[in-house]
Amino acid sequence: EQPIFSTRAHVFQIDPATKRNWIPASKHAVTVSFFYDANRHAYRIISVGGTK
């Protein structure tokens, strides 16, 4: 499946302890891809991080 659009972006996650603060998911921008799921009629945003 090919993404509709891909770009590099800084990704954050919500702090599970406070549910208020944002925590960076990585130190640098990562590749983020946008997909359309026709079966669910929904868009998916996927970022896969890891060490190279």
PDB file of N, CA and C in Angstrom:
ATOM      1  N   GLU A   1       0.854  -1.189   0.000  1.00  0.00           N
ATOM      2  CA  GLU A   1       0.000   0.000   0.000  1.00  0.00           C
ATOM      3  C   GLU A   1       0.890   1.238   0.000  1.00  0.00           C
ATOM      4  N   GLN A   2       0.618   2.146  -0.907  1.00  0.00           N
ATOM      5  CA  GLN A   2       1.407   3.363  -1.034  1.00  0.00           C
ATOM      6  C   GLN A   2       0.770   4.492  -0.225  1.00  0.00           C
ATOM      7  N   PRO A   3       1.584   5.300   0.449  1.00  0.00           N
ATOM      8  CA  PRO A   3       1.016   6.436   1.191  1.00  0.00           C
ATOM      9  C   PRO A   3       0.480   7.503   0.241  1.00  0.00           C
ATOM     10  N   ILE A   4      -0.513   8.237   0.714  1.00  0.00           N
ATOM     11  CA  ILE A   4      -1.050   9.371  -0.039  1.00  0.00           C
ATOM     12  C   ILE A   4      -0.032  10.499  -0.035  1.00  0.00           C
ATOM     13  N   PHE A   5       0.626  10.651   1.127  1.00  0.00           N
ATOM     14  CA  PHE A   5       1.555  11.757   1.322  1.00  0.00           C
ATOM     15  C   PHE A   5       2.546  11.354   2.400  1.00  0.00           C
ATOM     16  N   SER A   6       3.800  11.734   2.244  1.00  0.00           N
ATOM     17  CA  SER A   6       4.821  11.503   3.263  1.00  0.00           C
ATOM     18  C   SER A   6       5.599  12.782   3.477  1.00  0.00           C
ATOM     19  N   THR A   7       6.008  13.003   4.717  1.00  0.00           N
ATOM     20  CA  THR A   7       6.789  14.183   5.060  1.00  0.00           C
ATOM     21  C   THR A   7       7.604  13.874   6.303  1.00  0.00           C
ATOM     22  N   ARG A   8       8.489  14.781   6.656  1.00  0.00           N
ATOM     23  CA  ARG A   8       9.247  14.628   7.902  1.00  0.00           C
ATOM     24  C   ARG A   8       8.655  15.593   8.918  1.00  0.00           C
ATOM     25  N   ALA A   9       8.497  15.112  10.154  1.00  0.00           N
ATOM     26  CA  ALA A   9       7.867  15.930  11.187  1.00  0.00           C
ATOM     27  C   ALA A   9       8.385  15.523  12.559  1.00  0.00           C
ATOM     28  N   HIS A  10       8.272  16.438  13.497  1.00  0.00           N
ATOM     29  CA  HIS A  10       8.573  16.126  14.890  1.00  0.00           C
ATOM     30  C   HIS A  10       7.321  15.505  15.496  1.00  0.00           C
ATOM     31  N   VAL A  11       7.486  14.341  16.126  1.00  0.00           N
ATOM     32  CA  VAL A  11       6.357  13.576  16.656  1.00  0.00           C
ATOM     33  C   VAL A  11       6.392  13.618  18.177  1.00  0.00           C
ATOM     34  N   PHE A  12       5.217  13.798  18.774  1.00  0.00           N
ATOM     35  CA  PHE A  12       5.082  13.860  20.227  1.00  0.00           C
ATOM     36  C   PHE A  12       4.030  12.859  20.684  1.00  0.00           C
ATOM     37  N   GLN A  13       4.089  12.501  21.972  1.00  0.00           N
ATOM     38  CA  GLN A  13       3.048  11.675  22.574  1.00  0.00           C
ATOM     39  C   GLN A  13       2.622  12.314  23.883  1.00  0.00           C
ATOM     40  N   ILE A  14       1.427  12.005  24.326  1.00  0.00           N
ATOM     41  CA  ILE A  14       0.924  12.558  25.583  1.00  0.00           C
ATOM     42  C   ILE A  14       1.549  11.788  26.741  1.00  0.00           C
ATOM     43  N   ASP A  15       2.014  12.509  27.754  1.00  0.00           N
ATOM     44  CA  ASP A  15       2.595  11.902  28.949  1.00  0.00           C
ATOM     45  C   ASP A  15       1.533  11.052  29.640  1.00  0.00           C
ATOM     46  N   PRO A  16       1.731   9.729  29.749  1.00  0.00           N
ATOM     47  CA  PRO A  16       0.705   8.880  30.365  1.00  0.00           C
ATOM     48  C   PRO A  16       0.501   9.157  31.852  1.00  0.00           C
ATOM     49  N   ALA A  17       1.509   9.733  32.507  1.00  0.00           N
ATOM     50  CA  ALA A  17       1.391  10.011  33.939  1.00  0.00           C
ATOM     51  C   ALA A  17       0.491  11.209  34.215  1.00  0.00           C
ATOM     52  N   THR A  18       0.654  12.275  33.441  1.00  0.00           N
ATOM     53  CA  THR A  18      -0.102  13.502  33.713  1.00  0.00           C
ATOM     54  C   THR A  18      -1.299  13.681  32.792  1.00  0.00           C
ATOM     55  N   LYS A  19      -1.274  13.042  31.622  1.00  0.00           N
ATOM     56  CA  LYS A  19      -2.315  13.198  30.591  1.00  0.00           C
ATOM     57  C   LYS A  19      -2.426  14.643  30.100  1.00  0.00           C
ATOM     58  N   ARG A  20      -1.413  15.446  30.366  1.00  0.00           N
ATOM     59  CA  ARG A  20      -1.440  16.859  29.974  1.00  0.00           C
ATOM     60  C   ARG A  20      -0.210  17.279  29.181  1.00  0.00           C
ATOM     61  N   ASN A  21       0.935  16.763  29.555  1.00  0.00           N
ATOM     62  CA  ASN A  21       2.184  17.204  28.940  1.00  0.00           C
ATOM     63  C   ASN A  21       2.501  16.404  27.682  1.00  0.00           C
ATOM     64  N   TRP A  22       3.198  17.063  26.754  1.00  0.00           N
ATOM     65  CA  TRP A  22       3.627  16.419  25.520  1.00  0.00           C
ATOM     66  C   TRP A  22       5.084  16.006  25.664  1.00  0.00           C
ATOM     67  N   ILE A  23       5.404  14.781  25.262  1.00  0.00           N
ATOM     68  CA  ILE A  23       6.760  14.255  25.327  1.00  0.00           C
ATOM     69  C   ILE A  23       7.235  13.996  23.896  1.00  0.00           C
ATOM     70  N   PRO A  24       8.415  14.512  23.527  1.00  0.00           N
ATOM     71  CA  PRO A  24       8.924  14.230  22.177  1.00  0.00           C
ATOM     72  C   PRO A  24       9.145  12.727  21.995  1.00  0.00           C
ATOM     73  N   ALA A  25       8.709  12.182  20.884  1.00  0.00           N
ATOM     74  CA  ALA A  25       8.895  10.758  20.600  1.00  0.00           C
ATOM     75  C   ALA A  25      10.302  10.485  20.064  1.00  0.00           C
ATOM     76  N   SER A  26      10.960  11.518  19.544  1.00  0.00           N
ATOM     77  CA  SER A  26      12.330  11.378  19.057  1.00  0.00           C
ATOM     78  C   SER A  26      13.008  12.739  19.103  1.00  0.00           C
ATOM     79  N   LYS A  27      14.329  12.722  19.013  1.00  0.00           N
ATOM     80  CA  LYS A  27      15.087  13.974  19.066  1.00  0.00           C
ATOM     81  C   LYS A  27      15.043  14.736  17.748  1.00  0.00           C
ATOM     82  N   HIS A  28      14.851  14.013  16.665  1.00  0.00           N
ATOM     83  CA  HIS A  28      14.883  14.619  15.337  1.00  0.00           C
ATOM     84  C   HIS A  28      13.574  14.354  14.604  1.00  0.00           C
ATOM     85  N   ALA A  29      13.377  15.056  13.516  1.00  0.00           N
ATOM     86  CA  ALA A  29      12.193  14.828  12.683  1.00  0.00           C
ATOM     87  C   ALA A  29      12.248  13.409  12.106  1.00  0.00           C
ATOM     88  N   VAL A  30      11.094  12.773  12.038  1.00  0.00           N
ATOM     89  CA  VAL A  30      10.987  11.419  11.489  1.00  0.00           C
ATOM     90  C   VAL A  30      10.017  11.436  10.310  1.00  0.00           C
ATOM     91  N   THR A  31      10.058  10.405   9.508  1.00  0.00           N
ATOM     92  CA  THR A  31       9.143  10.314   8.368  1.00  0.00           C
ATOM     93  C   THR A  31       7.753   9.922   8.851  1.00  0.00           C
ATOM     94  N   VAL A  32       6.766  10.684   8.427  1.00  0.00           N
ATOM     95  CA  VAL A  32       5.367  10.433   8.767  1.00  0.00           C
ATOM     96  C   VAL A  32       4.611  10.244   7.455  1.00  0.00           C
ATOM     97  N   SER A  33       3.819   9.179   7.377  1.00  0.00           N
ATOM     98  CA  SER A  33       3.072   8.873   6.153  1.00  0.00           C
ATOM     99  C   SER A  33       1.579   8.863   6.418  1.00  0.00           C
ATOM    100  N   PHE A  34       0.822   9.342   5.440  1.00  0.00           N
ATOM    101  CA  PHE A  34      -0.638   9.387   5.522  1.00  0.00           C
ATOM    102  C   PHE A  34      -1.207   8.360   4.551  1.00  0.00           C
ATOM    103  N   PHE A  35      -2.102   7.513   5.042  1.00  0.00           N
ATOM    104  CA  PHE A  35      -2.740   6.476   4.240  1.00  0.00           C
ATOM    105  C   PHE A  35      -4.248   6.632   4.330  1.00  0.00           C
ATOM    106  N   TYR A  36      -4.955   6.169   3.298  1.00  0.00           N
ATOM    107  CA  TYR A  36      -6.417   6.125   3.347  1.00  0.00           C
ATOM    108  C   TYR A  36      -6.841   4.667   3.385  1.00  0.00           C
ATOM    109  N   ASP A  37      -7.607   4.285   4.404  1.00  0.00           N
ATOM    110  CA  ASP A  37      -8.123   2.927   4.559  1.00  0.00           C
ATOM    111  C   ASP A  37      -9.535   2.894   3.989  1.00  0.00           C
ATOM    112  N   ALA A  38      -9.687   2.383   2.770  1.00  0.00           N
ATOM    113  CA  ALA A  38     -10.986   2.386   2.092  1.00  0.00           C
ATOM    114  C   ALA A  38     -12.000   1.493   2.795  1.00  0.00           C
ATOM    115  N   ASN A  39     -11.545   0.411   3.413  1.00  0.00           N
ATOM    116  CA  ASN A  39     -12.469  -0.493   4.108  1.00  0.00           C
ATOM    117  C   ASN A  39     -13.138   0.182   5.300  1.00  0.00           C
ATOM    118  N   ARG A  40     -12.381   1.004   6.000  1.00  0.00           N
ATOM    119  CA  ARG A  40     -12.911   1.685   7.192  1.00  0.00           C
ATOM    120  C   ARG A  40     -13.321   3.125   6.914  1.00  0.00           C
ATOM    121  N   HIS A  41     -13.080   3.581   5.699  1.00  0.00           N
ATOM    122  CA  HIS A  41     -13.375   4.974   5.333  1.00  0.00           C
ATOM    123  C   HIS A  41     -12.700   5.934   6.318  1.00  0.00           C
ATOM    124  N   ALA A  42     -11.415   5.690   6.559  1.00  0.00           N
ATOM    125  CA  ALA A  42     -10.680   6.492   7.536  1.00  0.00           C
ATOM    126  C   ALA A  42      -9.247   6.707   7.048  1.00  0.00           C
ATOM    127  N   TYR A  43      -8.667   7.794   7.503  1.00  0.00           N
ATOM    128  CA  TYR A  43      -7.271   8.082   7.219  1.00  0.00           C
ATOM    129  C   TYR A  43      -6.421   7.573   8.373  1.00  0.00           C
ATOM    130  N   ARG A  44      -5.217   7.109   8.058  1.00  0.00           N
ATOM    131  CA  ARG A  44      -4.276   6.655   9.074  1.00  0.00           C
ATOM    132  C   ARG A  44      -2.994   7.464   8.928  1.00  0.00           C
ATOM    133  N   ILE A  45      -2.437   7.847  10.056  1.00  0.00           N
ATOM    134  CA  ILE A  45      -1.153   8.550  10.080  1.00  0.00           C
ATOM    135  C   ILE A  45      -0.174   7.608  10.759  1.00  0.00           C
ATOM    136  N   ILE A  46       0.897   7.261  10.059  1.00  0.00           N
ATOM    137  CA  ILE A  46       1.833   6.280  10.589  1.00  0.00           C
ATOM    138  C   ILE A  46       3.236   6.867  10.603  1.00  0.00           C
ATOM    139  N   SER A  47       3.893   6.725  11.754  1.00  0.00           N
ATOM    140  CA  SER A  47       5.283   7.116  11.905  1.00  0.00           C
ATOM    141  C   SER A  47       6.019   5.924  12.494  1.00  0.00           C
ATOM    142  N   VAL A  48       7.035   5.455  11.795  1.00  0.00           N
ATOM    143  CA  VAL A  48       7.809   4.324  12.282  1.00  0.00           C
ATOM    144  C   VAL A  48       9.192   4.836  12.640  1.00  0.00           C
ATOM    145  N   GLY A  49       9.533   4.755  13.912  1.00  0.00           N
ATOM    146  CA  GLY A  49      10.828   5.228  14.366  1.00  0.00           C
ATOM    147  C   GLY A  49      11.720   4.064  14.744  1.00  0.00           C
ATOM    148  N   GLY A  50      12.994   4.351  14.888  1.00  0.00           N
ATOM    149  CA  GLY A  50      13.942   3.317  15.278  1.00  0.00           C
ATOM    150  C   GLY A  50      15.345   3.745  14.916  1.00  0.00           C
ATOM    151  N   THR A  51      16.305   2.999  15.404  1.00  0.00           N
ATOM    152  CA  THR A  51      17.691   3.319  15.096  1.00  0.00           C
ATOM    153  C   THR A  51      18.091   2.674  13.783  1.00  0.00           C
ATOM    154  N   LYS A  52      18.925   3.362  13.047  1.00  0.00           N
ATOM    155  CA  LYS A  52      19.392   2.838  11.757  1.00  0.00           C
ATOM    156  C   LYS A  52      20.760   2.226  11.936  1.00  0.00           C
TER     157      LYS A  52
END
